[in-house]
């Protein structure tokens, strides 16, 4: 799920970020168990699947086989860590660790090379996002308890840092790709904070994702618009418009040249090098767009929910069975060419 940053009122190019300091503590939402849920959508998907004709299933299977022969993609691991809905996941840079979390308030960490798993708990409410620091075993989590926590996957018995300051539930978190101590977080009151986590200090307020490699831009979704924010100046450099519905997910490609976004109505691929143009658009046409990522080995190939879309082949997609409910988050591991998906069905799938 993406959140909206506190931007200038007109959101026009060159305007700055609206920064609002607040220290007051707001009441915790009593209905947090229903947040990030879409049971009605899940039921609709299940009913639709139940009434699919045998011929349609056969056709879909044929499409899967065609895609598989040209584009190998299949689940290689199925993990069931939790009895509650999973909301977020991420790989460490080398693909050694996979961390997932959600409603159970625990972080589940897999060492994929040693096939071991352990769980750690530190948040008091559900965990909304999880991101590894580039080239590190360190990762950050955000939560409805209004706190961002920094952990070490290799030794997660204790929490390294607690970042306290948000007045509302924190929905997303991300590390800067080059500035080793910089982490960004955003809450559901549209307040974005930049932290020096080693000093546990917030030095600037800005659903947020740093541009890979250089980190010059911060992509932030506001309703159905994406703003590209200059990290140094806080100014909006680009403004992406094209979605009709609110944006649910944004994700950069590995080089930081393209951004993919999903909403209820479509999935779009945007090009930074062409000045922020939408170069490919895939209408939903009744499909559930809830999460997406770029494939780590194939440029501009986008797995989502869990379909494969190759824009070079037009709007044709291939569906891969793996989850029985909404796919709430996906992550890729460029070093191993793996993709992880987590779902409200409580399962983690690793694909390759």
Foldseek 3Di string as FASTA:
>chain_A
DAAFAQAPPVLDFFGFGDADADQDADDQDPPCLCPPDDVVVLVVVLVVVVPDDPVVVVVLVVVQVVCCVVPNKDFPDKDFDDPFAWFEWEAAQLRQKIWTFFQVQKIWIARVVVRDIDIDHDDPGTWAYKEAAHPFQKIWIFFQSQWIWIAGSVDRPDTPFIQHRGNGGKHDKEAQNPPRQWMWTAHNVNWIFIDSGVVSDTDDTASWDAQHPPRQWIWHFDFQKIFTAGPVGRGTRAIAHDDPGGWQDKEAANNSQWIWIDDQFWIFIFGVVVPTDTPAIATCPPPGFAEWYDQLPDPPWIAGQHKTDDCVVPNDIRDDDDDSGGFNYKYAHNNVRWMWTGGRSSMITIMD
